[in-house]
Amino acid sequence: MDLTGFIILLVISVIVSAILHYGVKFYVVPGHWSFVSKVIVGYYGAWWGTAVFGRWPGGLSYGGDIYYIPAILGAAALVIFAVDVGKMFAKGR
């Protein structure tokens, strides 16, 4: 992956994380560090998105490696999963 691909996945992760953290208020604890952790988890979700959700037909890709819609779905899925697991462990205390 080149630098442009890294930046595309990072931007997708930041946007998805901002919507979930600040827009929907979906978090275990509030704060900026919680948002940063979502960006990191979302980046991995966006990176794995094409492998998990497949290569979608159409022109919505960068270089044939990064497909935008699967990357968005992957980022959202992994962030939601991570927050749900965090809430589950926080509720158990």
Protein backbone atom coordinates (compact mmCIF):
# COMPACT_ATOMS: atom_id res chain seq x y z
CA MET A 1 0.00 0.00 0.00
CA ASP A 2 1.28 3.42 -0.87
CA LEU A 3 0.95 6.67 1.09
CA THR A 4 -2.25 7.67 -0.73
CA GLY A 5 -3.90 4.38 0.20
CA PHE A 6 -2.87 4.87 3.83
CA ILE A 7 -4.36 8.38 3.86
CA ILE A 8 -7.60 7.19 2.23
CA LEU A 9 -8.07 4.51 4.89
CA LEU A 10 -7.17 6.99 7.62
CA VAL A 11 -9.72 9.54 6.35
CA ILE A 12 -12.41 6.84 6.16
CA SER A 13 -11.57 5.81 9.72
CA VAL A 14 -11.66 9.40 11.02
CA ILE A 15 -15.03 10.10 9.38
CA VAL A 16 -16.67 6.87 10.57
CA SER A 17 -15.24 7.31 14.07
CA ALA A 18 -16.36 10.95 14.25
CA ILE A 19 -19.90 10.04 13.22
CA LEU A 20 -20.10 7.26 15.81
CA HIS A 21 -18.34 9.14 18.61
CA TYR A 22 -19.57 12.72 18.26
CA GLY A 23 -22.70 12.32 16.15
CA VAL A 24 -24.32 9.21 17.63
CA LYS A 25 -22.46 9.42 20.97
CA PHE A 26 -21.61 5.72 20.78
CA TYR A 27 -18.76 5.20 23.23
CA VAL A 28 -17.80 3.54 26.49
CA VAL A 29 -16.22 6.66 27.97
CA PRO A 30 -16.39 10.19 26.54
CA GLY A 31 -13.28 12.11 25.58
CA HIS A 32 -10.75 12.66 22.87
CA TRP A 33 -8.66 9.58 23.68
CA SER A 34 -11.71 7.43 23.19
CA PHE A 35 -12.08 8.99 19.74
CA VAL A 36 -8.41 8.35 18.96
CA SER A 37 -8.78 4.70 19.91
CA LYS A 38 -11.78 4.46 17.58
CA VAL A 39 -9.72 5.92 14.75
CA ILE A 40 -7.04 3.26 15.28
CA VAL A 41 -9.56 0.42 15.43
CA GLY A 42 -11.46 1.89 12.48
CA TYR A 43 -8.29 2.02 10.40
CA TYR A 44 -7.81 -1.73 10.80
CA GLY A 45 -11.49 -2.28 10.01
CA ALA A 46 -11.17 -0.21 6.83
CA TRP A 47 -8.00 -2.08 5.91
CA TRP A 48 -9.70 -5.47 6.32
CA GLY A 49 -12.98 -4.26 4.79
CA THR A 50 -12.20 -5.32 1.24
CA ALA A 51 -11.02 -8.75 2.35
CA VAL A 52 -14.14 -9.33 4.46
CA PHE A 53 -16.85 -7.66 2.35
CA GLY A 54 -15.30 -8.33 -1.05
CA ARG A 55 -14.44 -6.30 -4.12
CA TRP A 56 -17.54 -4.47 -5.22
CA PRO A 57 -18.08 -3.78 -8.91
CA GLY A 58 -18.07 -0.24 -10.17
CA GLY A 59 -15.57 2.57 -10.13
CA LEU A 60 -15.57 3.06 -6.35
CA SER A 61 -12.02 1.96 -5.68
CA TYR A 62 -8.50 3.24 -5.44
CA GLY A 63 -5.94 1.29 -7.40
CA GLY A 64 -8.00 -1.88 -7.37
CA ASP A 65 -6.93 -2.52 -3.76
CA ILE A 66 -9.12 -0.22 -1.69
CA TYR A 67 -12.85 -0.35 -2.32
CA TYR A 68 -14.56 2.53 -0.56
CA ILE A 69 -17.89 1.00 0.47
CA PRO A 70 -16.37 -2.21 1.93
CA ALA A 71 -13.76 -0.08 3.71
CA ILE A 72 -16.50 2.08 5.27
CA LEU A 73 -18.47 -1.01 6.28
CA GLY A 74 -15.37 -2.64 7.74
CA ALA A 75 -14.43 0.44 9.75
CA ALA A 76 -17.96 0.81 11.12
CA ALA A 77 -18.26 -2.90 11.92
CA LEU A 78 -14.98 -3.12 13.81
CA VAL A 79 -15.56 0.12 15.76
CA ILE A 80 -19.08 -0.96 16.74
CA PHE A 81 -17.76 -4.38 17.77
CA ALA A 82 -14.96 -2.85 19.84
CA VAL A 83 -17.32 -0.44 21.63
CA ASP A 84 -19.81 -3.23 22.32
CA VAL A 85 -17.07 -5.40 23.82
CA GLY A 86 -15.88 -2.43 25.88
CA LYS A 87 -19.41 -1.78 27.15
CA MET A 88 -19.81 -5.43 28.02
CA PHE A 89 -16.64 -5.46 30.12
CA ALA A 90 -17.43 -2.08 31.70
CA LYS A 91 -20.90 -3.27 32.71
CA GLY A 92 -19.43 -6.37 34.37
CA ARG A 93 -17.45 -4.28 36.86
